[in-house]
Protein backbone atom coordinates (compact mmCIF):
# COMPACT_ATOMS: atom_id res chain seq x y z
CA MET A 1 186.74 -99.23 141.09
CA LYS A 2 186.69 -99.36 144.90
CA THR A 3 183.79 -96.88 144.96
CA LEU A 4 181.87 -98.96 142.42
CA PHE A 5 182.42 -102.13 144.46
CA ALA A 6 181.26 -100.39 147.64
CA ARG A 7 178.09 -99.15 145.91
CA LEU A 8 177.32 -102.60 144.51
CA PHE A 9 177.85 -104.17 147.94
CA ILE A 10 175.52 -101.65 149.60
CA ALA A 11 172.91 -102.21 146.89
CA LEU A 12 173.12 -105.98 147.40
CA LEU A 13 172.60 -105.63 151.15
CA SER A 14 169.66 -103.30 150.53
CA VAL A 15 167.97 -105.90 148.34
CA LEU A 16 168.67 -108.69 150.79
CA SER A 17 167.33 -106.65 153.70
CA ARG A 18 163.90 -106.65 152.02
CA SER A 19 164.00 -110.40 151.41
CA SER A 20 161.19 -112.49 152.86
CA TYR A 21 163.61 -115.35 153.47
CA ALA A 22 164.62 -116.43 156.97
CA GLN A 23 167.37 -114.22 158.37
CA GLY A 24 170.75 -115.25 159.70
CA SER A 25 172.25 -114.14 163.03
CA ALA A 26 172.91 -110.41 162.43
CA GLY A 27 170.66 -107.35 162.63
CA THR A 28 167.29 -106.80 164.26
CA GLY A 29 165.70 -109.35 161.92
CA ALA A 30 168.02 -112.17 163.02
CA LYS A 31 166.33 -115.53 163.37
CA PHE A 32 169.23 -117.24 165.18
CA GLU A 33 171.33 -116.24 168.16
CA PRO A 34 174.98 -115.38 167.45
CA ARG A 35 177.09 -118.13 169.01
CA TYR A 36 180.36 -116.24 168.69
CA LEU A 37 181.33 -112.58 168.53
CA ILE A 38 184.47 -113.01 166.43
CA ASP A 39 186.81 -115.45 168.18
CA VAL A 40 185.23 -115.57 171.65
CA PRO A 41 181.90 -117.29 172.43
CA SER A 42 178.59 -115.83 173.51
CA ALA A 43 175.92 -117.65 175.50
CA GLY A 44 173.99 -118.16 172.26
CA ILE A 45 172.96 -121.61 171.05
CA ILE A 46 171.18 -123.01 168.02
CA PRO A 47 167.76 -124.62 168.58
CA HIS A 48 167.04 -128.32 168.87
CA ASN A 49 167.22 -130.17 165.52
CA THR A 50 169.19 -127.33 163.91
CA PHE A 51 172.65 -127.54 162.34
CA ALA A 52 175.24 -124.88 161.60
CA ILE A 53 178.25 -124.74 159.26
CA ASP A 54 180.86 -122.07 159.99
CA ILE A 55 183.77 -121.32 157.64
CA GLY A 56 186.62 -119.05 158.67
CA LEU A 57 189.14 -117.62 156.18
CA PHE A 58 192.35 -116.25 157.64
CA GLN A 59 195.93 -115.26 156.79
CA GLN A 60 198.26 -117.41 154.67
CA GLY A 61 195.40 -119.13 152.86
CA GLY A 62 193.96 -120.49 156.09
CA LEU A 63 190.60 -122.26 156.22
CA LEU A 64 188.71 -123.56 159.24
CA THR A 65 185.36 -125.37 158.94
CA THR A 66 183.09 -126.16 161.88
CA ALA A 67 179.92 -128.26 161.91
CA SER A 68 177.53 -127.97 164.88
CA VAL A 69 174.16 -129.43 165.77
CA GLY A 70 171.60 -128.51 168.40
CA LEU A 71 170.73 -131.46 170.64
CA PHE A 72 167.76 -131.03 172.96
CA ASP A 73 166.85 -127.43 173.78
CA ARG A 74 170.01 -126.32 175.57
CA LEU A 75 172.87 -128.44 174.23
CA VAL A 76 175.07 -127.86 171.16
CA ILE A 77 177.97 -130.06 170.02
CA GLY A 78 180.43 -129.43 167.21
CA VAL A 79 183.55 -130.60 165.40
CA SER A 80 186.01 -128.54 163.39
CA TYR A 81 189.03 -129.00 161.14
CA GLY A 82 191.23 -126.89 158.91
CA GLY A 83 194.73 -125.64 158.30
CA SER A 84 197.01 -123.02 156.77
CA GLY A 85 197.82 -122.81 153.06
CA VAL A 86 194.57 -124.50 152.09
CA LEU A 87 193.81 -121.65 149.69
CA GLY A 88 196.41 -120.30 147.28
CA LEU A 89 199.61 -121.82 145.90
CA ASP A 90 201.28 -123.09 149.09
CA SER A 91 201.10 -126.69 150.23
CA PRO A 92 198.44 -127.11 152.93
CA GLU A 93 199.57 -127.51 156.53
CA TRP A 94 196.65 -129.27 158.17
CA ASN A 95 195.93 -129.05 161.88
CA ASN A 96 197.26 -131.93 163.93
CA SER A 97 193.79 -133.02 165.01
CA PRO A 98 190.13 -131.96 164.79
CA GLY A 99 188.67 -129.62 167.35
CA TYR A 100 185.67 -130.56 169.49
CA ALA A 101 183.11 -128.31 171.14
CA LEU A 102 180.20 -128.61 173.53
CA ARG A 103 177.99 -125.87 174.96
CA ILE A 104 175.18 -126.07 177.53
CA ARG A 105 172.80 -123.18 178.23
CA LEU A 106 172.62 -123.14 182.02
CA VAL A 107 170.31 -120.15 182.51
CA GLU A 108 167.94 -118.45 180.10
CA GLU A 109 168.08 -114.66 179.86
CA SER A 110 165.51 -112.76 181.92
CA LEU A 111 164.72 -109.11 182.47
CA GLY A 112 167.25 -108.75 185.25
CA PHE A 113 169.72 -111.59 184.56
CA PRO A 114 171.89 -112.61 181.60
CA ALA A 115 171.83 -115.91 179.79
CA LEU A 116 174.63 -118.16 181.05
CA ALA A 117 176.38 -120.97 179.18
CA LEU A 118 179.04 -123.51 180.13
CA GLY A 119 181.20 -124.93 177.38
CA PHE A 120 184.34 -126.58 176.11
CA ASP A 121 186.12 -125.85 172.83
CA SER A 122 189.48 -127.37 171.86
CA GLN A 123 189.71 -125.54 168.53
CA GLY A 124 192.16 -122.63 168.47
CA LYS A 125 192.24 -119.96 165.79
CA GLU A 126 194.58 -119.51 162.82
CA GLY A 127 197.80 -121.46 162.31
CA TYR A 128 199.23 -124.14 164.59
CA ILE A 129 202.62 -123.49 166.23
CA ASP A 130 204.27 -126.91 166.49
CA ARG A 131 207.14 -125.88 168.77
CA LEU A 132 204.68 -124.54 171.35
CA ASN A 133 202.00 -127.18 170.82
CA ARG A 134 199.30 -124.50 170.48
CA TYR A 135 197.41 -122.36 167.97
CA ALA A 136 198.36 -118.74 167.26
CA ILE A 137 195.17 -117.83 169.15
CA LYS A 138 194.63 -120.36 171.92
CA SER A 139 191.45 -122.36 172.11
CA MET A 140 188.92 -121.42 174.78
CA GLY A 141 189.15 -124.80 176.51
CA PHE A 142 186.67 -124.77 179.39
CA TYR A 143 184.64 -121.57 179.71
CA VAL A 144 181.64 -119.87 181.29
CA VAL A 145 180.04 -116.93 179.45
CA GLY A 146 177.13 -114.59 180.05
CA SER A 147 175.13 -112.55 177.50
CA LYS A 148 172.58 -109.76 178.08
CA ASN A 149 170.51 -107.93 175.45
CA TYR A 150 168.98 -104.46 175.65
CA THR A 151 166.70 -102.46 173.40
CA ALA A 152 168.57 -99.37 172.16
CA ALA A 153 167.70 -98.14 168.66
CA GLY A 154 167.58 -101.80 167.73
CA TYR A 155 169.46 -104.16 170.01
CA LEU A 156 172.61 -103.78 172.09
CA SER A 157 174.14 -106.87 173.69
CA PHE A 158 177.01 -107.35 176.11
CA HIS A 159 179.00 -110.52 176.66
CA GLY A 160 181.68 -111.58 179.10
CA GLY A 161 183.33 -114.73 180.35
CA ILE A 162 186.24 -116.62 181.82
CA ASN A 163 188.10 -119.57 180.31
CA TYR A 164 190.90 -122.05 180.92
CA SER A 165 192.68 -123.34 177.82
CA LEU A 166 194.31 -126.76 177.67
CA GLU A 167 196.96 -125.41 175.28
CA ARG A 168 199.80 -125.04 177.77
CA GLY A 169 202.87 -125.97 175.73
CA ASP A 170 204.20 -122.42 176.10
CA GLY A 171 204.15 -122.76 179.88
CA ASP A 172 201.40 -120.16 180.38
CA GLU A 173 198.57 -121.83 182.32
CA ASP A 174 196.70 -118.77 183.63
CA LEU A 175 192.96 -118.26 183.64
CA ASN A 176 191.79 -115.88 180.93
CA PHE A 177 189.00 -113.31 180.62
CA PHE A 178 187.12 -111.95 177.61
CA ALA A 179 184.33 -109.49 176.87
CA GLY A 180 182.52 -108.01 173.90
CA ALA A 181 179.50 -106.17 172.56
CA GLU A 182 177.22 -106.23 169.53
CA LYS A 183 175.06 -103.38 168.16
CA THR A 184 172.48 -103.91 165.43
CA LEU A 185 172.22 -101.41 162.59
CA GLY A 186 168.93 -102.04 160.83
CA PRO A 187 167.40 -105.42 160.00
CA ILE A 188 170.48 -107.24 158.69
CA ILE A 189 173.67 -105.51 159.95
CA SER A 190 175.51 -105.83 163.27
CA LEU A 191 178.70 -104.16 164.50
CA VAL A 192 180.75 -106.38 166.80
CA GLY A 193 183.71 -105.76 169.07
CA GLU A 194 185.55 -108.07 171.45
CA TYR A 195 188.55 -107.98 173.75
CA ASN A 196 190.41 -111.13 174.75
CA LEU A 197 192.66 -110.27 177.70
CA ALA A 198 194.99 -113.16 176.70
CA SER A 199 196.34 -113.46 180.23
CA ASN A 200 197.31 -117.02 179.24
CA ASP A 201 199.38 -115.75 176.29
CA ASN A 202 201.95 -113.34 177.74
CA ASN A 203 204.93 -115.18 179.18
CA HIS A 204 208.43 -115.27 177.64
CA ASP A 205 207.68 -118.21 175.30
CA SER A 206 204.25 -116.97 174.16
CA PRO A 207 203.75 -115.02 170.91
CA GLY A 208 201.56 -112.52 172.79
CA ARG A 209 203.03 -109.32 174.28
CA GLY A 210 200.54 -108.72 177.07
CA ARG A 211 198.29 -106.31 175.18
CA GLY A 212 195.43 -108.71 174.62
CA TYR A 213 193.50 -109.15 171.37
CA LEU A 214 191.12 -106.39 170.28
CA ASN A 215 188.97 -107.44 167.31
CA LEU A 216 186.22 -105.64 165.38
CA ALA A 217 183.77 -106.92 162.76
CA VAL A 218 180.78 -106.09 160.60
CA ARG A 219 178.28 -108.92 160.17
CA ALA A 220 175.39 -109.10 157.68
CA SER A 221 172.51 -111.57 157.36
CA LEU A 222 172.13 -112.62 153.74
CA GLY A 223 168.85 -114.55 153.98
CA GLN A 224 167.96 -118.24 154.31
CA GLY A 225 170.23 -118.68 157.33
CA PHE A 226 173.38 -117.20 155.77
CA THR A 227 175.51 -114.63 157.60
CA ILE A 228 178.84 -113.13 156.51
CA GLY A 229 181.35 -111.31 158.68
CA PHE A 230 184.32 -109.09 157.80
CA CYS A 231 186.83 -108.79 160.65
CA LEU A 232 189.82 -106.71 161.71
CA LYS A 233 191.82 -108.67 164.27
CA ASP A 234 194.65 -107.94 166.70
CA ILE A 235 194.31 -104.19 166.32
CA LEU A 236 196.63 -103.69 169.31
CA ARG A 237 199.34 -105.81 167.66
CA ASN A 238 199.62 -108.24 170.52
CA GLN A 239 201.68 -110.44 168.19
CA GLN A 240 204.64 -108.57 166.70
CA ASP A 241 204.62 -110.25 163.29
CA ARG A 242 201.08 -109.06 162.47
CA ALA A 243 199.90 -106.04 160.56
CA VAL A 244 197.53 -103.72 162.40
CA GLY A 245 194.04 -105.02 161.79
CA GLU A 246 194.56 -108.43 160.21
CA ARG A 247 191.69 -108.97 157.76
CA THR A 248 189.67 -112.18 157.97
CA MET A 249 186.22 -113.34 156.88
CA ASN A 250 183.63 -115.67 158.43
CA LEU A 251 180.70 -117.42 156.74
CA GLU A 252 177.83 -118.99 158.66
CA TYR A 253 174.91 -121.16 157.54
CA VAL A 254 172.22 -122.23 160.02
CA GLN A 255 169.21 -124.34 159.09
CA SER A 256 166.68 -126.70 160.64
CA LEU A 257 167.09 -130.42 160.05
């Protein structure tokens, strides 16, 4: 049964890869810039008069929905909301408040210099920990990120940044660093990896153990602005109560207004 499912999935992607529809944000045929690797941001933005809907599915029936819109040529704003137990039989535990995001492209990418973006994002990832007044994965807060693309049997991009989260209920107020890479595989597939140092998530009250968060994903453009991502998160088991490679899924829809 697993083999049959895998063959059907590959066949579906093969058909979609030949579609004449507008592509999503994965593969060499991508129409839109990826705005996130998995949890950490890139310097990517959506164009003026374009909107995006992102849906994240995570452990314990968790659901997070984000709506973003491109204002002017270099400014994106967004709002998000979700909670744990939204899917399944458990009673939903909604986040205490919506998350808000803003991103400004400061510098466009050139031959010798990366694209640079300045942003703010108050939305953390996964469940909310009430006793620590923070999400399981802290929000970025204020951040600066750079992204550079290269031609290498398709495209190879590198990303890196620094952030300061406003989630400080655990007493850890350090600056944090993150980095990642994306490699296209054909017109609709991208392999993605990221490492969040989590230097603001490693004191005695924090759930993190000082290993940082290593996440991997496969993303596929499905046509007409749709992109789907399958992720393995916290491979280093930075949080003790997690299985190795927590499985999550992301859905993205980007379209012009």
